[in-house]
């Protein structure tokens, strides 16, 4: 591996422009990436074995991050955070991170593991200052937590601070109620932020990014958008990708074909379970990168020699209004 930033040579994606005429003098742009980067890699039917080793995937993940150049990156299933940070910072020290490991990470049962997986938030430390980092429990046993960071853009003191949450809910179709309970725990943790930080934080935008392991019709997704926090907080959350597509989520954010221990045939999953939620009353969605067409990926699904995870990353651009002019101005 060289110190040169890895070049992205993979595939094309469409960028959907939603607000082309936002007045740049009254806002600051912010780009967020959401990505489940796949901790342990096994049982994928069509993925070439040479594509699965950590070194190869870490290089590809870094290449995608350099390609999109996000300010904040929310990751799940990351058990190689130190490796990734070393790669991102090979030519500079621009990237910093916070990490919340799973207490009962399945990675720990794998031979020659490199530690537990968990949720992480990587950010550009030359653009952002981390004001606060904390875990938000997702159950009474504290076995799994969401990770929250509060940031301030370093470019201006007139820009609001903002919150970013990286979350990973319980997998498998049968755990619908468990995911709903985890969503309620997350909601309760967010509600507690207001009295802790005072009324000045009512203007702070909120972004909740994660692998919810829940399709759009599940109760926890409805909870996130309708009842996540009290209206007094000013946080009414909306899915960025649904907003960009007339209320409909992408056809998929994960597509995998795996061997199944209880089925004779490989199991294929093609659906949307990853989201970027944002507080629509305090921040403006400017545009986003749409997942590539199924035909672009090819019949072997994810991961592959081009795609380092079984999930697609989501990338969205937002505009933060300045504090003394909170109304976003079209030109």
C-alpha atoms as a PDB file:
ATOM      1  CA  UNK A   1       0.000   0.000   0.000  1.00  0.00           C
ATOM      2  CA  UNK A   2       1.317   3.446  -0.938  1.00  0.00           C
ATOM      3  CA  UNK A   3       0.761   6.792   0.725  1.00  0.00           C
ATOM      4  CA  UNK A   4      -0.991   8.096  -2.358  1.00  0.00           C
ATOM      5  CA  UNK A   5      -4.743   8.500  -1.947  1.00  0.00           C
ATOM      6  CA  UNK A   6      -6.460   5.546  -3.663  1.00  0.00           C
ATOM      7  CA  UNK A   7      -8.138   6.504  -6.917  1.00  0.00           C
ATOM      8  CA  UNK A   8     -11.781   5.624  -7.430  1.00  0.00           C
ATOM      9  CA  UNK A   9     -12.186   3.667 -10.673  1.00  0.00           C
ATOM     10  CA  UNK A  10     -15.411   1.821 -10.037  1.00  0.00           C
ATOM     11  CA  UNK A  11     -18.877   2.816 -11.206  1.00  0.00           C
ATOM     12  CA  UNK A  12     -21.193   5.703 -12.058  1.00  0.00           C
ATOM     13  CA  UNK A  13     -23.953   7.183  -9.892  1.00  0.00           C
ATOM     14  CA  UNK A  14     -26.503   9.887 -10.594  1.00  0.00           C
ATOM     15  CA  UNK A  15     -26.567  13.061  -8.528  1.00  0.00           C
ATOM     16  CA  UNK A  16     -30.046  14.445  -7.882  1.00  0.00           C
ATOM     17  CA  UNK A  17     -30.080  18.217  -7.461  1.00  0.00           C
ATOM     18  CA  UNK A  18     -32.942  19.373  -5.247  1.00  0.00           C
ATOM     19  CA  UNK A  19     -32.083  23.008  -4.469  1.00  0.00           C
ATOM     20  CA  UNK A  20     -29.870  24.471  -7.177  1.00  0.00           C
ATOM     21  CA  UNK A  21     -30.456  28.095  -6.185  1.00  0.00           C
ATOM     22  CA  UNK A  22     -29.733  28.252  -2.465  1.00  0.00           C
ATOM     23  CA  UNK A  23     -27.986  31.543  -1.656  1.00  0.00           C
ATOM     24  CA  UNK A  24     -24.450  30.574  -0.639  1.00  0.00           C
ATOM     25  CA  UNK A  25     -24.042  33.783   1.378  1.00  0.00           C
ATOM     26  CA  UNK A  26     -26.710  32.698   3.879  1.00  0.00           C
ATOM     27  CA  UNK A  27     -25.788  29.028   4.304  1.00  0.00           C
ATOM     28  CA  UNK A  28     -22.894  26.614   4.714  1.00  0.00           C
ATOM     29  CA  UNK A  29     -22.807  23.318   2.845  1.00  0.00           C
ATOM     30  CA  UNK A  30     -22.470  20.019   4.685  1.00  0.00           C
ATOM     31  CA  UNK A  31     -22.040  16.568   3.111  1.00  0.00           C
ATOM     32  CA  UNK A  32     -22.940  13.398   5.035  1.00  0.00           C
ATOM     33  CA  UNK A  33     -22.171   9.781   4.160  1.00  0.00           C
ATOM     34  CA  UNK A  34     -23.963   6.766   5.647  1.00  0.00           C
ATOM     35  CA  UNK A  35     -22.442   3.295   5.206  1.00  0.00           C
ATOM     36  CA  UNK A  36     -22.583  -0.155   6.733  1.00  0.00           C
ATOM     37  CA  UNK A  37     -19.112  -1.297   5.740  1.00  0.00           C
ATOM     38  CA  UNK A  38     -19.443  -5.022   6.561  1.00  0.00           C
ATOM     39  CA  UNK A  39     -17.398  -6.278   9.489  1.00  0.00           C
ATOM     40  CA  UNK A  40     -17.029 -10.029   8.963  1.00  0.00           C
ATOM     41  CA  UNK A  41     -17.106 -11.291   5.400  1.00  0.00           C
ATOM     42  CA  UNK A  42     -18.321 -14.821   4.886  1.00  0.00           C
ATOM     43  CA  UNK A  43     -21.028 -16.858   3.201  1.00  0.00           C
ATOM     44  CA  UNK A  44     -21.375 -14.625   0.123  1.00  0.00           C
ATOM     45  CA  UNK A  45     -22.147 -16.906  -2.786  1.00  0.00           C
ATOM     46  CA  UNK A  46     -20.731 -14.974  -5.733  1.00  0.00           C
ATOM     47  CA  UNK A  47     -18.114 -12.671  -4.227  1.00  0.00           C
ATOM     48  CA  UNK A  48     -14.547 -13.493  -5.357  1.00  0.00           C
ATOM     49  CA  UNK A  49     -12.477 -14.531  -2.309  1.00  0.00           C
ATOM     50  CA  UNK A  50      -9.705 -12.110  -3.296  1.00  0.00           C
ATOM     51  CA  UNK A  51     -12.143  -9.200  -2.826  1.00  0.00           C
ATOM     52  CA  UNK A  52     -12.893  -9.995   0.812  1.00  0.00           C
ATOM     53  CA  UNK A  53      -9.574  -9.488   2.662  1.00  0.00           C
ATOM     54  CA  UNK A  54      -9.499  -6.447   4.918  1.00  0.00           C
ATOM     55  CA  UNK A  55      -6.645  -4.723   3.110  1.00  0.00           C
ATOM     56  CA  UNK A  56      -8.477  -4.781  -0.231  1.00  0.00           C
ATOM     57  CA  UNK A  57     -11.789  -3.605   1.189  1.00  0.00           C
ATOM     58  CA  UNK A  58     -10.173  -0.898   3.316  1.00  0.00           C
ATOM     59  CA  UNK A  59      -8.511   0.486   0.200  1.00  0.00           C
ATOM     60  CA  UNK A  60     -11.826   0.520  -1.691  1.00  0.00           C
ATOM     61  CA  UNK A  61     -13.708   2.132   1.188  1.00  0.00           C
ATOM     62  CA  UNK A  62     -11.059   4.835   1.481  1.00  0.00           C
ATOM     63  CA  UNK A  63     -11.277   5.438  -2.275  1.00  0.00           C
ATOM     64  CA  UNK A  64     -15.037   6.017  -2.050  1.00  0.00           C
ATOM     65  CA  UNK A  65     -14.593   8.375   0.891  1.00  0.00           C
ATOM     66  CA  UNK A  66     -11.992  10.373  -1.038  1.00  0.00           C
ATOM     67  CA  UNK A  67     -14.274  10.368  -4.069  1.00  0.00           C
ATOM     68  CA  UNK A  68     -17.249  11.917  -2.270  1.00  0.00           C
ATOM     69  CA  UNK A  69     -15.222  13.921   0.274  1.00  0.00           C
ATOM     70  CA  UNK A  70     -17.921  14.005   2.982  1.00  0.00           C
ATOM     71  CA  UNK A  71     -17.627  16.173   6.076  1.00  0.00           C
ATOM     72  CA  UNK A  72     -19.143  13.470   8.295  1.00  0.00           C
ATOM     73  CA  UNK A  73     -19.220   9.695   7.740  1.00  0.00           C
ATOM     74  CA  UNK A  74     -21.521   7.434   9.764  1.00  0.00           C
ATOM     75  CA  UNK A  75     -20.382   3.808   9.728  1.00  0.00           C
ATOM     76  CA  UNK A  76     -21.808   0.578  11.081  1.00  0.00           C
ATOM     77  CA  UNK A  77     -20.263  -2.887  11.357  1.00  0.00           C
ATOM     78  CA  UNK A  78     -16.833  -1.289  11.454  1.00  0.00           C
ATOM     79  CA  UNK A  79     -14.233  -3.465  13.167  1.00  0.00           C
ATOM     80  CA  UNK A  80     -11.280  -1.951  11.314  1.00  0.00           C
ATOM     81  CA  UNK A  81     -11.614   1.720  12.254  1.00  0.00           C
ATOM     82  CA  UNK A  82      -7.941   2.188  13.109  1.00  0.00           C
ATOM     83  CA  UNK A  83      -6.917   0.636   9.777  1.00  0.00           C
ATOM     84  CA  UNK A  84      -9.300   2.914   7.888  1.00  0.00           C
ATOM     85  CA  UNK A  85      -8.181   6.043   9.735  1.00  0.00           C
ATOM     86  CA  UNK A  86      -4.554   5.209   9.039  1.00  0.00           C
ATOM     87  CA  UNK A  87      -5.378   4.918   5.347  1.00  0.00           C
ATOM     88  CA  UNK A  88      -7.407   8.134   5.266  1.00  0.00           C
ATOM     89  CA  UNK A  89      -4.662  10.029   7.085  1.00  0.00           C
ATOM     90  CA  UNK A  90      -1.756   8.613   5.085  1.00  0.00           C
ATOM     91  CA  UNK A  91      -1.109  12.034   3.531  1.00  0.00           C
ATOM     92  CA  UNK A  92      -2.601  14.286   6.214  1.00  0.00           C
ATOM     93  CA  UNK A  93      -4.273  14.295   9.605  1.00  0.00           C
ATOM     94  CA  UNK A  94      -7.642  15.565   8.402  1.00  0.00           C
ATOM     95  CA  UNK A  95      -9.791  12.724   9.718  1.00  0.00           C
ATOM     96  CA  UNK A  96     -10.784  11.992  13.317  1.00  0.00           C
ATOM     97  CA  UNK A  97     -13.349   9.558  14.693  1.00  0.00           C
ATOM     98  CA  UNK A  98     -15.519   8.407  17.578  1.00  0.00           C
ATOM     99  CA  UNK A  99     -16.469   4.757  18.110  1.00  0.00           C
ATOM    100  CA  UNK A 100     -19.118   2.801  20.020  1.00  0.00           C
ATOM    101  CA  UNK A 101     -18.337  -0.957  20.042  1.00  0.00           C
ATOM    102  CA  UNK A 102     -20.987  -3.647  20.367  1.00  0.00           C
ATOM    103  CA  UNK A 103     -20.681  -5.338  23.747  1.00  0.00           C
ATOM    104  CA  UNK A 104     -21.583  -8.725  22.263  1.00  0.00           C
ATOM    105  CA  UNK A 105     -20.003  -8.256  18.858  1.00  0.00           C
ATOM    106  CA  UNK A 106     -20.138 -11.408  16.690  1.00  0.00           C
ATOM    107  CA  UNK A 107     -16.678 -10.475  15.439  1.00  0.00           C
ATOM    108  CA  UNK A 108     -15.199 -11.530  18.774  1.00  0.00           C
ATOM    109  CA  UNK A 109     -16.104 -15.160  18.068  1.00  0.00           C
ATOM    110  CA  UNK A 110     -14.166 -15.199  14.806  1.00  0.00           C
ATOM    111  CA  UNK A 111     -10.660 -16.635  14.831  1.00  0.00           C
ATOM    112  CA  UNK A 112      -7.943 -13.994  14.426  1.00  0.00           C
ATOM    113  CA  UNK A 113     -10.460 -11.186  14.877  1.00  0.00           C
ATOM    114  CA  UNK A 114      -9.237  -7.602  15.177  1.00  0.00           C
ATOM    115  CA  UNK A 115     -11.740  -6.549  17.816  1.00  0.00           C
ATOM    116  CA  UNK A 116     -15.458  -5.813  18.118  1.00  0.00           C
ATOM    117  CA  UNK A 117     -17.463  -4.105  15.432  1.00  0.00           C
ATOM    118  CA  UNK A 118     -19.670  -1.153  16.196  1.00  0.00           C
ATOM    119  CA  UNK A 119     -20.923   2.254  15.112  1.00  0.00           C
ATOM    120  CA  UNK A 120     -18.484   5.017  14.243  1.00  0.00           C
ATOM    121  CA  UNK A 121     -18.537   8.642  13.171  1.00  0.00           C
ATOM    122  CA  UNK A 122     -15.572   9.858  11.143  1.00  0.00           C
ATOM    123  CA  UNK A 123     -15.301  13.581  10.501  1.00  0.00           C
ATOM    124  CA  UNK A 124     -13.051  16.117   8.833  1.00  0.00           C
ATOM    125  CA  UNK A 125     -11.249  17.708  11.757  1.00  0.00           C
ATOM    126  CA  UNK A 126     -10.029  20.550   9.536  1.00  0.00           C
ATOM    127  CA  UNK A 127     -13.651  21.542   8.865  1.00  0.00           C
ATOM    128  CA  UNK A 128     -15.430  20.534  12.068  1.00  0.00           C
ATOM    129  CA  UNK A 129     -14.884  20.762  15.798  1.00  0.00           C
ATOM    130  CA  UNK A 130     -16.341  17.972  17.934  1.00  0.00           C
ATOM    131  CA  UNK A 131     -18.117  19.599  20.881  1.00  0.00           C
ATOM    132  CA  UNK A 132     -19.649  16.483  22.402  1.00  0.00           C
ATOM    133  CA  UNK A 133     -19.559  12.708  21.998  1.00  0.00           C
ATOM    134  CA  UNK A 134     -21.856  10.309  23.813  1.00  0.00           C
ATOM    135  CA  UNK A 135     -23.521   6.921  23.524  1.00  0.00           C
ATOM    136  CA  UNK A 136     -27.308   6.592  23.462  1.00  0.00           C
ATOM    137  CA  UNK A 137     -28.349   3.157  24.825  1.00  0.00           C
ATOM    138  CA  UNK A 138     -30.694   1.115  22.646  1.00  0.00           C
ATOM    139  CA  UNK A 139     -31.765  -1.322  25.385  1.00  0.00           C
ATOM    140  CA  UNK A 140     -31.816  -1.733  29.161  1.00  0.00           C
ATOM    141  CA  UNK A 141     -28.830  -4.075  29.163  1.00  0.00           C
ATOM    142  CA  UNK A 142     -26.570  -1.507  27.428  1.00  0.00           C
ATOM    143  CA  UNK A 143     -25.478  -4.205  24.973  1.00  0.00           C
ATOM    144  CA  UNK A 144     -25.860  -1.879  22.003  1.00  0.00           C
ATOM    145  CA  UNK A 145     -25.792   1.906  21.728  1.00  0.00           C
ATOM    146  CA  UNK A 146     -26.137   4.561  19.079  1.00  0.00           C
ATOM    147  CA  UNK A 147     -23.288   7.039  18.811  1.00  0.00           C
ATOM    148  CA  UNK A 148     -23.965  10.784  18.924  1.00  0.00           C
ATOM    149  CA  UNK A 149     -21.595  13.635  18.134  1.00  0.00           C
ATOM    150  CA  UNK A 150     -22.243  17.353  18.311  1.00  0.00           C
ATOM    151  CA  UNK A 151     -20.244  19.428  15.830  1.00  0.00           C
ATOM    152  CA  UNK A 152     -19.473  23.034  15.032  1.00  0.00           C
ATOM    153  CA  UNK A 153     -18.210  24.134  11.638  1.00  0.00           C
ATOM    154  CA  UNK A 154     -14.881  25.897  12.032  1.00  0.00           C
ATOM    155  CA  UNK A 155     -15.526  28.292   9.131  1.00  0.00           C
ATOM    156  CA  UNK A 156     -17.870  30.612  11.051  1.00  0.00           C
ATOM    157  CA  UNK A 157     -19.233  31.134  14.559  1.00  0.00           C
ATOM    158  CA  UNK A 158     -22.529  32.276  13.019  1.00  0.00           C
ATOM    159  CA  UNK A 159     -23.344  28.750  11.878  1.00  0.00           C
ATOM    160  CA  UNK A 160     -25.372  26.519  14.193  1.00  0.00           C
ATOM    161  CA  UNK A 161     -23.888  23.519  15.927  1.00  0.00           C
ATOM    162  CA  UNK A 162     -25.493  20.262  14.826  1.00  0.00           C
ATOM    163  CA  UNK A 163     -25.964  16.689  16.014  1.00  0.00           C
ATOM    164  CA  UNK A 164     -25.122  13.515  14.086  1.00  0.00           C
ATOM    165  CA  UNK A 165     -26.188  10.031  15.204  1.00  0.00           C
ATOM    166  CA  UNK A 166     -24.839   6.740  13.834  1.00  0.00           C
ATOM    167  CA  UNK A 167     -27.093   3.798  14.669  1.00  0.00           C
ATOM    168  CA  UNK A 168     -27.339   0.082  13.875  1.00  0.00           C
ATOM    169  CA  UNK A 169     -30.509  -1.757  14.880  1.00  0.00           C
ATOM    170  CA  UNK A 170     -31.064  -5.484  15.361  1.00  0.00           C
ATOM    171  CA  UNK A 171     -30.932  -7.583  12.191  1.00  0.00           C
ATOM    172  CA  UNK A 172     -33.232 -10.337  10.839  1.00  0.00           C
ATOM    173  CA  UNK A 173     -36.814 -10.015   9.676  1.00  0.00           C
ATOM    174  CA  UNK A 174     -38.259 -11.570  12.835  1.00  0.00           C
ATOM    175  CA  UNK A 175     -36.998  -8.788  15.138  1.00  0.00           C
ATOM    176  CA  UNK A 176     -39.510  -6.114  14.116  1.00  0.00           C
ATOM    177  CA  UNK A 177     -40.603  -5.453  17.706  1.00  0.00           C
ATOM    178  CA  UNK A 178     -37.016  -5.386  18.965  1.00  0.00           C
ATOM    179  CA  UNK A 179     -36.138  -2.726  16.417  1.00  0.00           C
ATOM    180  CA  UNK A 180     -39.174  -0.699  17.442  1.00  0.00           C
ATOM    181  CA  UNK A 181     -38.097  -0.836  21.089  1.00  0.00           C
ATOM    182  CA  UNK A 182     -34.574   0.191  20.101  1.00  0.00           C
ATOM    183  CA  UNK A 183     -36.056   3.115  18.196  1.00  0.00           C
ATOM    184  CA  UNK A 184     -37.975   4.175  21.302  1.00  0.00           C
ATOM    185  CA  UNK A 185     -34.778   4.072  23.352  1.00  0.00           C
ATOM    186  CA  UNK A 186     -33.109   6.243  20.721  1.00  0.00           C
ATOM    187  CA  UNK A 187     -36.019   8.685  20.818  1.00  0.00           C
ATOM    188  CA  UNK A 188     -35.810   8.938  24.595  1.00  0.00           C
ATOM    189  CA  UNK A 189     -32.082   9.630  24.405  1.00  0.00           C
ATOM    190  CA  UNK A 190     -32.616  12.432  21.910  1.00  0.00           C
ATOM    191  CA  UNK A 191     -35.379  14.027  23.977  1.00  0.00           C
ATOM    192  CA  UNK A 192     -33.000  14.283  26.944  1.00  0.00           C
ATOM    193  CA  UNK A 193     -30.627  16.487  24.963  1.00  0.00           C
ATOM    194  CA  UNK A 194     -32.768  19.617  25.317  1.00  0.00           C
ATOM    195  CA  UNK A 195     -32.763  20.101  29.106  1.00  0.00           C
ATOM    196  CA  UNK A 196     -29.112  19.061  29.207  1.00  0.00           C
ATOM    197  CA  UNK A 197     -28.005  21.685  26.715  1.00  0.00           C
ATOM    198  CA  UNK A 198     -30.526  24.486  27.227  1.00  0.00           C
ATOM    199  CA  UNK A 199     -32.841  26.408  24.937  1.00  0.00           C
ATOM    200  CA  UNK A 200     -30.003  27.568  22.684  1.00  0.00           C
ATOM    201  CA  UNK A 201     -29.916  24.113  21.098  1.00  0.00           C
ATOM    202  CA  UNK A 202     -33.419  24.369  19.659  1.00  0.00           C
ATOM    203  CA  UNK A 203     -31.859  25.613  16.421  1.00  0.00           C
ATOM    204  CA  UNK A 204     -29.282  22.821  16.219  1.00  0.00           C
ATOM    205  CA  UNK A 205     -30.008  20.564  13.229  1.00  0.00           C
ATOM    206  CA  UNK A 206     -30.158  16.808  13.797  1.00  0.00           C
ATOM    207  CA  UNK A 207     -29.062  14.025  11.448  1.00  0.00           C
ATOM    208  CA  UNK A 208     -29.769  10.370  12.255  1.00  0.00           C
ATOM    209  CA  UNK A 209     -27.946   7.990   9.918  1.00  0.00           C
ATOM    210  CA  UNK A 210     -27.838   4.255  10.083  1.00  0.00           C
ATOM    211  CA  UNK A 211     -28.554   0.701   9.135  1.00  0.00           C
ATOM    212  CA  UNK A 212     -31.972   0.254  10.713  1.00  0.00           C
ATOM    213  CA  UNK A 213     -32.372  -3.289   9.342  1.00  0.00           C
ATOM    214  CA  UNK A 214     -35.955  -2.173   8.734  1.00  0.00           C
ATOM    215  CA  UNK A 215     -37.751  -1.739   5.450  1.00  0.00           C
ATOM    216  CA  UNK A 216     -39.715   1.493   4.887  1.00  0.00           C
ATOM    217  CA  UNK A 217     -43.039  -0.011   6.028  1.00  0.00           C
ATOM    218  CA  UNK A 218     -41.751  -1.095   9.447  1.00  0.00           C
ATOM    219  CA  UNK A 219     -43.022   0.672  12.604  1.00  0.00           C
ATOM    220  CA  UNK A 220     -39.570   1.908  13.639  1.00  0.00           C
ATOM    221  CA  UNK A 221     -39.214   3.877  10.385  1.00  0.00           C
ATOM    222  CA  UNK A 222     -42.613   5.466  10.970  1.00  0.00           C
ATOM    223  CA  UNK A 223     -41.523   6.244  14.533  1.00  0.00           C
ATOM    224  CA  UNK A 224     -38.378   7.994  13.343  1.00  0.00           C
ATOM    225  CA  UNK A 225     -40.321  10.345  11.097  1.00  0.00           C
ATOM    226  CA  UNK A 226     -43.504  10.962  13.060  1.00  0.00           C
ATOM    227  CA  UNK A 227     -42.748  10.670  16.739  1.00  0.00           C
ATOM    228  CA  UNK A 228     -39.013  10.773  17.214  1.00  0.00           C
ATOM    229  CA  UNK A 229     -38.915  13.823  19.459  1.00  0.00           C
ATOM    230  CA  UNK A 230     -41.179  16.449  20.910  1.00  0.00           C
ATOM    231  CA  UNK A 231     -42.121  19.219  18.532  1.00  0.00           C
ATOM    232  CA  UNK A 232     -40.741  21.672  21.108  1.00  0.00           C
ATOM    233  CA  UNK A 233     -37.287  20.522  20.079  1.00  0.00           C
ATOM    234  CA  UNK A 234     -37.809  21.640  16.518  1.00  0.00           C
ATOM    235  CA  UNK A 235     -36.791  18.195  15.285  1.00  0.00           C
ATOM    236  CA  UNK A 236     -39.213  16.712  12.792  1.00  0.00           C
ATOM    237  CA  UNK A 237     -37.219  14.093  10.919  1.00  0.00           C
ATOM    238  CA  UNK A 238     -37.554  13.235   7.241  1.00  0.00           C
ATOM    239  CA  UNK A 239     -35.785  10.647   5.105  1.00  0.00           C
ATOM    240  CA  UNK A 240     -33.487  12.448   2.676  1.00  0.00           C
ATOM    241  CA  UNK A 241     -33.798   9.787  -0.018  1.00  0.00           C
ATOM    242  CA  UNK A 242     -37.585   9.620   0.182  1.00  0.00           C
ATOM    243  CA  UNK A 243     -37.703  13.423   0.002  1.00  0.00           C
ATOM    244  CA  UNK A 244     -35.681  13.275  -3.215  1.00  0.00           C
ATOM    245  CA  UNK A 245     -37.942  10.639  -4.779  1.00  0.00           C
ATOM    246  CA  UNK A 246     -41.526  11.817  -4.242  1.00  0.00           C
ATOM    247  CA  UNK A 247     -41.809  10.088  -0.885  1.00  0.00           C
ATOM    248  CA  UNK A 248     -40.430   6.723  -2.025  1.00  0.00           C
ATOM    249  CA  UNK A 249     -37.171   5.216  -0.790  1.00  0.00           C
ATOM    250  CA  UNK A 250     -34.686   3.678  -3.265  1.00  0.00           C
ATOM    251  CA  UNK A 251     -35.403   0.140  -4.416  1.00  0.00           C
ATOM    252  CA  UNK A 252     -32.457  -1.071  -2.383  1.00  0.00           C
ATOM    253  CA  UNK A 253     -29.586  -0.073  -0.137  1.00  0.00           C
ATOM    254  CA  UNK A 254     -28.372  -3.645   0.349  1.00  0.00           C
ATOM    255  CA  UNK A 255     -28.323  -6.593  -2.048  1.00  0.00           C
ATOM    256  CA  UNK A 256     -26.756  -9.845  -0.960  1.00  0.00           C
ATOM    257  CA  UNK A 257     -26.881 -13.519  -1.892  1.00  0.00           C
ATOM    258  CA  UNK A 258     -25.761 -15.717   0.988  1.00  0.00           C
ATOM    259  CA  UNK A 259     -25.694 -19.336   1.982  1.00  0.00           C
ATOM    260  CA  UNK A 260     -28.292 -20.080   4.628  1.00  0.00           C
ATOM    261  CA  UNK A 261     -27.893 -22.707   7.337  1.00  0.00           C
ATOM    262  CA  UNK A 262     -31.609 -23.533   7.386  1.00  0.00           C
ATOM    263  CA  UNK A 263     -32.336 -23.407   3.637  1.00  0.00           C
ATOM    264  CA  UNK A 264     -31.121 -25.556   0.756  1.00  0.00           C
ATOM    265  CA  UNK A 265     -30.944 -22.660  -1.666  1.00  0.00           C
ATOM    266  CA  UNK A 266     -28.939 -19.457  -1.192  1.00  0.00           C
ATOM    267  CA  UNK A 267     -30.934 -16.601   0.298  1.00  0.00           C
ATOM    268  CA  UNK A 268     -31.184 -13.348  -1.659  1.00  0.00           C
ATOM    269  CA  UNK A 269     -32.074 -10.009  -0.042  1.00  0.00           C
ATOM    270  CA  UNK A 270     -32.702  -6.895  -2.129  1.00  0.00           C
ATOM    271  CA  UNK A 271     -34.287  -4.067  -0.164  1.00  0.00           C
ATOM    272  CA  UNK A 272     -33.835  -0.716   1.565  1.00  0.00           C
ATOM    273  CA  UNK A 273     -32.807  -0.720   5.221  1.00  0.00           C
ATOM    274  CA  UNK A 274     -30.333   2.211   5.391  1.00  0.00           C
ATOM    275  CA  UNK A 275     -31.418   5.824   5.875  1.00  0.00           C
ATOM    276  CA  UNK A 276     -30.308   9.411   6.358  1.00  0.00           C
ATOM    277  CA  UNK A 277     -32.915  11.247   8.437  1.00  0.00           C
ATOM    278  CA  UNK A 278     -32.615  15.006   8.895  1.00  0.00           C
ATOM    279  CA  UNK A 279     -34.504  17.732  10.757  1.00  0.00           C
ATOM    280  CA  UNK A 280     -36.266  19.384   7.858  1.00  0.00           C
ATOM    281  CA  UNK A 281     -37.277  22.492   9.829  1.00  0.00           C
ATOM    282  CA  UNK A 282     -33.693  23.473  10.625  1.00  0.00           C
ATOM    283  CA  UNK A 283     -31.656  22.353   7.612  1.00  0.00           C
ATOM    284  CA  UNK A 284     -32.147  22.233   3.850  1.00  0.00           C
ATOM    285  CA  UNK A 285     -31.574  19.203   1.595  1.00  0.00           C
ATOM    286  CA  UNK A 286     -29.621  20.316  -1.491  1.00  0.00           C
ATOM    287  CA  UNK A 287     -29.001  17.051  -3.331  1.00  0.00           C
ATOM    288  CA  UNK A 288     -27.815  13.464  -3.043  1.00  0.00           C
ATOM    289  CA  UNK A 289     -26.151  10.580  -4.835  1.00  0.00           C
ATOM    290  CA  UNK A 290     -28.637   7.892  -5.863  1.00  0.00           C
ATOM    291  CA  UNK A 291     -27.700   4.191  -5.577  1.00  0.00           C
ATOM    292  CA  UNK A 292     -26.563   2.705  -8.889  1.00  0.00           C
ATOM    293  CA  UNK A 293     -28.910   0.629 -10.987  1.00  0.00           C
ATOM    294  CA  UNK A 294     -29.120  -3.079 -10.282  1.00  0.00           C
ATOM    295  CA  UNK A 295     -27.695  -3.683 -13.754  1.00  0.00           C
ATOM    296  CA  UNK A 296     -24.636  -1.608 -12.847  1.00  0.00           C
ATOM    297  CA  UNK A 297     -23.816  -3.964  -9.997  1.00  0.00           C
ATOM    298  CA  UNK A 298     -24.408  -7.095 -12.060  1.00  0.00           C
ATOM    299  CA  UNK A 299     -25.911 -10.489 -11.191  1.00  0.00           C
ATOM    300  CA  UNK A 300     -23.356 -11.343  -8.499  1.00  0.00           C
ATOM    301  CA  UNK A 301     -24.826  -8.766  -6.062  1.00  0.00           C
ATOM    302  CA  UNK A 302     -22.794  -7.258  -3.199  1.00  0.00           C
ATOM    303  CA  UNK A 303     -19.993  -7.278  -2.174  1.00  0.00           C
ATOM    304  CA  UNK A 304     -17.782  -7.695  -5.230  1.00  0.00           C
ATOM    305  CA  UNK A 305     -14.463  -6.653  -6.699  1.00  0.00           C
ATOM    306  CA  UNK A 306     -15.955  -3.174  -7.216  1.00  0.00           C
ATOM    307  CA  UNK A 307     -18.206  -2.834  -4.167  1.00  0.00           C
ATOM    308  CA  UNK A 308     -16.472  -3.466  -0.815  1.00  0.00           C
ATOM    309  CA  UNK A 309     -19.624  -3.959   1.270  1.00  0.00           C
ATOM    310  CA  UNK A 310     -23.001  -5.642   0.999  1.00  0.00           C
ATOM    311  CA  UNK A 311     -24.546  -2.191   1.551  1.00  0.00           C
ATOM    312  CA  UNK A 312     -24.387   0.875  -0.695  1.00  0.00           C
ATOM    313  CA  UNK A 313     -23.229   4.101   0.844  1.00  0.00           C
ATOM    314  CA  UNK A 314     -25.679   7.003   0.943  1.00  0.00           C
ATOM    315  CA  UNK A 315     -24.348  10.520   0.363  1.00  0.00           C
ATOM    316  CA  UNK A 316     -26.392  13.708   0.795  1.00  0.00           C
ATOM    317  CA  UNK A 317     -25.678  17.440   0.727  1.00  0.00           C
ATOM    318  CA  UNK A 318     -27.324  19.887   3.125  1.00  0.00           C
ATOM    319  CA  UNK A 319     -27.330  23.637   3.742  1.00  0.00           C
ATOM    320  CA  UNK A 320     -27.009  24.974   7.279  1.00  0.00           C
ATOM    321  CA  UNK A 321     -28.477  28.490   7.674  1.00  0.00           C
ATOM    322  CA  UNK A 322     -26.501  31.140   9.526  1.00  0.00           C
ATOM    323  CA  UNK A 323     -27.840  31.954  12.984  1.00  0.00           C
ATOM    324  CA  UNK A 324     -28.685  35.577  12.289  1.00  0.00           C
ATOM    325  CA  UNK A 325     -30.556  34.732   9.085  1.00  0.00           C
ATOM    326  CA  UNK A 326     -32.267  31.396   9.662  1.00  0.00           C
ATOM    327  CA  UNK A 327     -34.494  31.534   6.581  1.00  0.00           C
ATOM    328  CA  UNK A 328     -32.811  29.919   3.585  1.00  0.00           C
ATOM    329  CA  UNK A 329     -32.940  32.299   0.629  1.00  0.00           C
ATOM    330  CA  UNK A 330     -33.493  31.178  -2.967  1.00  0.00           C
ATOM    331  CA  UNK A 331     -31.854  33.422  -5.571  1.00  0.00           C
END
